[in-house]
Amino acid sequence: MKATIFDYGAGNLHSLAKALSGAEVGIEPDPLRAIDTDLLVLPGVGAFAAAAASLAPGRKQMRAALDSGLPCVGICLGMQLLFDASEEGPGEGLGILPGQVTKLRARRIPQIGWNTLEEASDPLFERAPLPIAYFANGYACRPEEPGCVTAWSTHEGDRFPAAVRRGSVLGVQFHPEKSSSAGVRFLGAFLEEVARCS
């Protein structure tokens, strides 16, 4: 399986590539070339505006590819790019999931460290249990359709989606590649699902 990490200037690409063991991993800064793959990966770390600007030349084509069934996992900022827009800065997300990204309603921002996953309903969590995960986020997704949420988390009273799903598109606000062996197993379970369905 070919997995392509879309490089929009975010950090942490190499540890993410290592966590995608079992796949042939490439890193691609061109959004049009990034969708020529079996699995698109939108990585975490970075600013929404800069990522949206990198995405803009191929936004419509990437959106069309995901609508047509291209499997994708968006991590942290990558999950936020699945939504329409963000308070963090200008630019359009992919709009795969209707909703906005807003600042966490908390005193301590960003949230950095381990937090509990609540009401984890995606079958991936059954195959690879992940009771806690590593977060590094100052913003959170606010979906218009809460039915897309497959796990929640809470930071200082602000409850926000920890994972979302629409078909073969998975978004996680946490960093599975930083969430110890359980996080790597979770990514592996998604890779296995993609391989089975391809």
Foldseek 3Di string as FASTA:
>chain_A
DEEEEACLPFPDPVLVVVLLPPHNYYYHQQLVVQLPTQEYEYEDGDFLVSSQVSCVVCLVVVLVSVVVPRFYEYEASGLQLCEAEEPRDDHGGSHVFYWYKYFFPDDDPPDFAKWAKAQQAPCLCVQQPQGIFTAHHRIATDTPDCVQARIWTDDHRGIGGQWGDDRSYIYGNGDLSPGPPSSSSSSVSSVVVSVVVD
